[in-house]
Amino acid sequence: MDKTSVTTRLRIAGSRWLAPLVAMLFCAAGQAAAPLRPSAPRPTPRPTASPATLTRDTAFGEAIDIIVHGHCELDVPSAIRVAEAIEPIDPLFYEDPIAPQFSESWLALRRATRLPLLTGENLELVEQFLPFLQHQAVNTLQPDIINAGGITATKRIADLAAIYRIPVCMHNVNGLILAMASQQLSAAIFNCPLMECKRGDEQANIAASNAPVIRDCRMAVSTRPGRGLDLDCDRMKSRLAEGESWWD
């Protein structure tokens, strides 16, 4: 393998719900992208683009990408209305706007908007991802190693997506162990341009050493064996719930 092709630093997207002014902190914190969550609208109100445009121009500017996360809360008409409202900010992704399982609803939304669609964190195993690929229903898949079936199952999903020329971006909001597993898998997959990263992952207090290193919107890929974990077991034991036993 050509050593120049080895991924040593991963581009990351910060996971945080932010008001427009607080969002400015992401620039100082070194996050690469910031998600905003729209409130689930009541029966298809007509939104305006002004608040979205204001958010982009005054809080973020052009130096940072925006991901708009719907948390699977919208029906199709509402998702289309929200898409119309956020088009002026040119988001990197419109994430999970509708129910996560594949249905004709995804195709209706796909036809109605030019925004890049992202989903996958709530899907399980390759079988639930396959119809999104077969119908080209989204621009990018976002598997979560925990939900998708583990490292091997997620690698199968990524390999299948590569056949359809669809990128994957790891969903990662569950602490140090998942972050390190997602980091290693992301670095090993050629069609993974981005990995989600929970703000504060580099301050992992259960790591005895080798905590994630994040600089300039990139996470350094650990070169230690396996997932690169070095857990502080004494600290973890001191925080067991009353009556909880330690695993050996």
Protein backbone atom coordinates (compact mmCIF):
# COMPACT_ATOMS: atom_id res chain seq x y z
CA MET A 1 0.00 0.00 0.00
CA ASP A 2 1.28 3.45 -0.89
CA LYS A 3 2.14 5.09 2.43
CA THR A 4 1.06 8.48 1.10
CA SER A 5 -2.54 7.20 0.96
CA VAL A 6 -2.77 6.36 4.67
CA THR A 7 -5.20 8.58 6.56
CA THR A 8 -3.52 10.12 9.60
CA ARG A 9 -5.99 12.92 10.43
CA LEU A 10 -9.77 12.74 10.09
CA ARG A 11 -12.06 15.65 9.29
CA ILE A 12 -14.70 15.91 12.02
CA ALA A 13 -18.15 17.40 12.47
CA GLY A 14 -19.01 18.75 15.91
CA SER A 15 -22.28 17.48 17.42
CA ARG A 16 -24.00 20.25 19.38
CA TRP A 17 -27.36 22.06 19.33
CA LEU A 18 -26.62 25.76 19.18
CA ALA A 19 -28.43 29.07 19.20
CA PRO A 20 -27.06 31.36 16.48
CA LEU A 21 -24.85 33.47 18.73
CA VAL A 22 -23.53 30.54 20.77
CA ALA A 23 -22.70 28.84 17.46
CA MET A 24 -19.85 31.28 16.98
CA LEU A 25 -17.97 29.38 19.69
CA PHE A 26 -17.48 26.48 17.30
CA CYS A 27 -15.02 28.50 15.27
CA ALA A 28 -12.84 29.07 18.32
CA ALA A 29 -13.19 25.44 19.46
CA GLY A 30 -11.86 24.07 16.18
CA GLN A 31 -14.95 22.14 15.08
CA ALA A 32 -15.37 21.54 11.37
CA ALA A 33 -19.15 21.54 11.12
CA ALA A 34 -22.00 22.35 13.45
CA PRO A 35 -25.53 20.91 13.38
CA LEU A 36 -28.62 23.02 13.95
CA ARG A 37 -31.91 21.42 14.91
CA PRO A 38 -35.11 22.96 13.56
CA SER A 39 -38.14 22.83 15.80
CA ALA A 40 -40.70 20.38 14.44
CA PRO A 41 -43.25 22.60 12.72
CA ARG A 42 -46.96 22.25 13.27
CA PRO A 43 -49.04 21.41 10.18
CA THR A 44 -46.83 22.72 7.38
CA PRO A 45 -46.43 26.41 8.31
CA ARG A 46 -44.79 28.56 5.67
CA PRO A 47 -41.25 29.34 6.87
CA THR A 48 -39.14 32.23 5.70
CA ALA A 49 -35.50 32.10 4.71
CA SER A 50 -34.57 35.21 6.67
CA PRO A 51 -33.68 33.55 10.03
CA ALA A 52 -31.60 30.91 8.27
CA THR A 53 -29.76 33.48 6.19
CA LEU A 54 -29.13 35.57 9.27
CA THR A 55 -27.67 32.55 11.07
CA ARG A 56 -25.25 31.85 8.26
CA ASP A 57 -24.13 35.42 7.75
CA THR A 58 -23.84 36.62 11.33
CA ALA A 59 -22.96 33.54 13.38
CA PHE A 60 -21.04 31.23 11.07
CA GLY A 61 -19.92 33.03 7.93
CA GLU A 62 -18.42 31.01 5.09
CA ALA A 63 -15.58 29.46 7.11
CA ILE A 64 -17.64 26.69 8.67
CA ASP A 65 -20.14 24.19 7.28
CA ILE A 66 -23.62 23.76 8.74
CA ILE A 67 -25.51 20.48 9.15
CA VAL A 68 -29.25 20.80 9.76
CA HIS A 69 -30.56 17.88 11.83
CA GLY A 70 -34.28 17.02 11.81
CA HIS A 71 -34.05 14.18 14.37
CA CYS A 72 -36.62 12.19 12.33
CA GLU A 73 -39.37 14.47 13.64
CA LEU A 74 -40.92 15.84 10.43
CA ASP A 75 -43.58 14.59 8.07
CA VAL A 76 -42.84 14.90 4.35
CA PRO A 77 -44.65 18.23 3.70
CA SER A 78 -42.95 19.79 6.74
CA ALA A 79 -39.55 18.41 5.71
CA ILE A 80 -39.96 19.97 2.27
CA ARG A 81 -40.94 23.32 3.81
CA VAL A 82 -37.91 23.27 6.09
CA ALA A 83 -35.71 22.37 3.12
CA GLU A 84 -37.02 25.43 1.27
CA ALA A 85 -36.25 27.63 4.28
CA ILE A 86 -32.67 26.44 4.77
CA GLU A 87 -31.60 26.34 1.12
CA PRO A 88 -30.03 29.85 1.34
CA ILE A 89 -27.50 28.67 3.95
CA ASP A 90 -26.36 25.86 1.61
CA PRO A 91 -25.99 23.25 4.40
CA LEU A 92 -23.44 20.49 4.10
CA PHE A 93 -26.23 17.99 4.92
CA TYR A 94 -29.94 17.90 5.72
CA GLU A 95 -29.79 15.10 8.30
CA ASP A 96 -32.58 12.73 9.38
CA PRO A 97 -35.50 14.99 8.45
CA ILE A 98 -38.07 12.15 8.38
CA ALA A 99 -38.59 8.66 9.87
CA PRO A 100 -35.35 6.69 9.47
CA GLN A 101 -36.57 3.51 7.77
CA PHE A 102 -36.64 3.53 3.99
CA SER A 103 -39.99 4.38 2.40
CA GLU A 104 -41.42 6.27 -0.56
CA SER A 105 -41.28 9.34 1.67
CA TRP A 106 -37.51 9.53 1.17
CA LEU A 107 -37.97 9.50 -2.60
CA ALA A 108 -40.61 12.24 -2.40
CA LEU A 109 -38.24 14.40 -0.37
CA ARG A 110 -35.37 13.60 -2.71
CA ARG A 111 -37.39 14.82 -5.69
CA ALA A 112 -38.46 18.00 -3.89
CA THR A 113 -35.08 19.37 -2.77
CA ARG A 114 -31.57 19.84 -4.06
CA LEU A 115 -30.14 19.67 -0.50
CA PRO A 116 -27.72 16.81 0.25
CA LEU A 117 -29.59 14.25 2.36
CA LEU A 118 -27.92 12.27 5.16
CA THR A 119 -29.29 9.40 7.26
CA GLY A 120 -28.27 6.12 8.87
CA GLU A 121 -27.57 6.55 12.58
CA ASN A 122 -30.74 4.62 13.51
CA LEU A 123 -30.48 1.90 10.87
CA GLU A 124 -29.45 -1.67 11.66
CA LEU A 125 -27.36 -4.05 9.56
CA VAL A 126 -26.74 -3.89 5.85
CA GLU A 127 -30.31 -4.90 4.98
CA GLN A 128 -31.75 -1.59 6.21
CA PHE A 129 -29.15 0.46 4.33
CA LEU A 130 -29.50 -1.38 1.03
CA PRO A 131 -32.74 0.23 -0.26
CA PHE A 132 -31.32 3.73 0.29
CA LEU A 133 -28.47 2.74 -2.03
CA GLN A 134 -30.60 0.94 -4.59
CA HIS A 135 -32.90 3.96 -4.94
CA GLN A 136 -30.16 6.61 -4.57
CA ALA A 137 -32.38 8.12 -1.89
CA VAL A 138 -29.65 9.99 0.02
CA ASN A 139 -26.32 11.60 -0.75
CA THR A 140 -24.43 10.13 2.21
CA LEU A 141 -24.99 7.32 4.73
CA GLN A 142 -24.17 7.78 8.42
CA PRO A 143 -23.91 4.40 10.16
CA ASP A 144 -23.37 4.15 13.91
CA ILE A 145 -21.12 1.23 14.84
CA ILE A 146 -23.33 0.39 17.85
CA ASN A 147 -26.62 0.37 15.94
CA ALA A 148 -25.32 -0.96 12.62
CA GLY A 149 -24.05 -4.23 14.10
CA GLY A 150 -20.46 -3.58 15.15
CA ILE A 151 -17.23 -2.83 13.32
CA THR A 152 -17.47 -5.72 10.85
CA ALA A 153 -21.10 -5.01 9.93
CA THR A 154 -20.37 -1.30 9.49
CA LYS A 155 -17.41 -2.12 7.23
CA ARG A 156 -19.78 -4.24 5.09
CA ILE A 157 -22.16 -1.28 4.82
CA ALA A 158 -19.32 1.02 3.78
CA ASP A 159 -18.06 -1.46 1.19
CA LEU A 160 -21.56 -1.82 -0.26
CA ALA A 161 -21.97 1.97 -0.36
CA ALA A 162 -18.68 2.20 -2.24
CA ILE A 163 -20.09 0.00 -5.00
CA TYR A 164 -22.90 2.55 -5.43
CA ARG A 165 -20.36 5.40 -5.19
CA ILE A 166 -22.01 6.76 -2.04
CA PRO A 167 -19.84 8.11 0.81
CA VAL A 168 -20.31 7.24 4.48
CA CYS A 169 -19.72 9.40 7.56
CA MET A 170 -19.58 7.72 10.96
CA HIS A 171 -22.14 8.71 13.58
CA ASN A 172 -20.27 9.04 16.86
CA VAL A 173 -21.77 10.58 20.01
CA ASN A 174 -21.31 7.89 22.68
CA GLY A 175 -18.01 8.50 24.40
CA LEU A 176 -14.39 7.46 24.20
CA ILE A 177 -14.70 3.79 23.23
CA LEU A 178 -17.01 4.48 20.28
CA ALA A 179 -14.93 7.50 19.25
CA MET A 180 -11.75 5.44 19.05
CA ALA A 181 -13.48 2.60 17.19
CA SER A 182 -15.08 5.07 14.75
CA GLN A 183 -11.75 6.79 14.26
CA GLN A 184 -9.96 3.59 13.28
CA LEU A 185 -12.74 2.40 10.99
CA SER A 186 -13.12 5.81 9.32
CA ALA A 187 -9.40 5.92 8.58
CA ALA A 188 -9.57 2.46 7.00
CA ILE A 189 -12.46 3.28 4.63
CA PHE A 190 -11.65 5.18 1.46
CA ASN A 191 -15.22 6.50 1.00
CA CYS A 192 -15.43 8.07 4.48
CA PRO A 193 -14.62 11.80 4.15
CA LEU A 194 -16.02 12.88 7.53
CA MET A 195 -16.65 11.56 11.05
CA GLU A 196 -18.96 13.02 13.66
CA CYS A 197 -17.28 13.99 16.92
CA LYS A 198 -18.95 14.99 20.16
CA ARG A 199 -17.63 18.25 21.55
CA GLY A 200 -15.24 17.44 24.38
CA ASP A 201 -14.16 14.02 23.06
CA GLU A 202 -10.55 15.13 23.39
CA GLN A 203 -11.10 15.60 27.14
CA ALA A 204 -11.93 11.94 27.79
CA ASN A 205 -11.52 11.54 31.55
CA ILE A 206 -11.60 7.73 31.45
CA ALA A 207 -8.48 7.58 29.27
CA ALA A 208 -5.27 6.86 31.16
CA SER A 209 -3.43 7.98 28.04
CA ASN A 210 -3.91 8.27 24.28
CA ALA A 211 -7.07 10.40 24.44
CA PRO A 212 -8.22 11.70 21.05
CA VAL A 213 -6.15 14.61 19.74
CA ILE A 214 -8.18 17.25 17.89
CA ARG A 215 -6.52 20.20 16.17
CA ASP A 216 -7.70 22.46 13.35
CA CYS A 217 -10.92 20.52 12.78
CA ARG A 218 -9.07 17.20 12.47
CA MET A 219 -8.70 14.22 14.77
CA ALA A 220 -5.31 12.48 14.76
CA VAL A 221 -5.58 8.75 14.02
CA SER A 222 -4.05 6.65 16.79
CA THR A 223 -1.24 4.32 15.71
CA ARG A 224 -1.53 2.07 18.76
CA PRO A 225 -2.72 -1.53 18.27
CA GLY A 226 -6.46 -2.22 17.99
CA ARG A 227 -8.65 0.70 18.92
CA GLY A 228 -5.80 2.39 20.74
CA LEU A 229 -7.65 2.36 24.08
CA ASP A 230 -5.85 2.83 27.38
CA LEU A 231 -8.63 3.04 29.97
CA ASP A 232 -8.21 4.41 33.50
CA CYS A 233 -9.83 1.44 35.26
CA ASP A 234 -9.32 2.89 38.75
CA ARG A 235 -11.26 6.00 37.80
CA MET A 236 -13.99 3.91 36.22
CA LYS A 237 -14.26 1.67 39.31
CA SER A 238 -14.60 4.71 41.55
CA ARG A 239 -17.69 5.75 39.60
CA LEU A 240 -19.63 2.50 39.71
CA ALA A 241 -23.24 2.87 40.77
CA GLU A 242 -24.12 1.59 44.23
CA GLY A 243 -24.39 -2.18 44.05
CA GLU A 244 -22.84 -2.39 40.58
CA SER A 245 -20.03 -4.93 40.25
CA TRP A 246 -16.86 -4.50 38.20
CA TRP A 247 -16.43 -6.79 35.20
CA ASP A 248 -13.29 -8.94 35.11
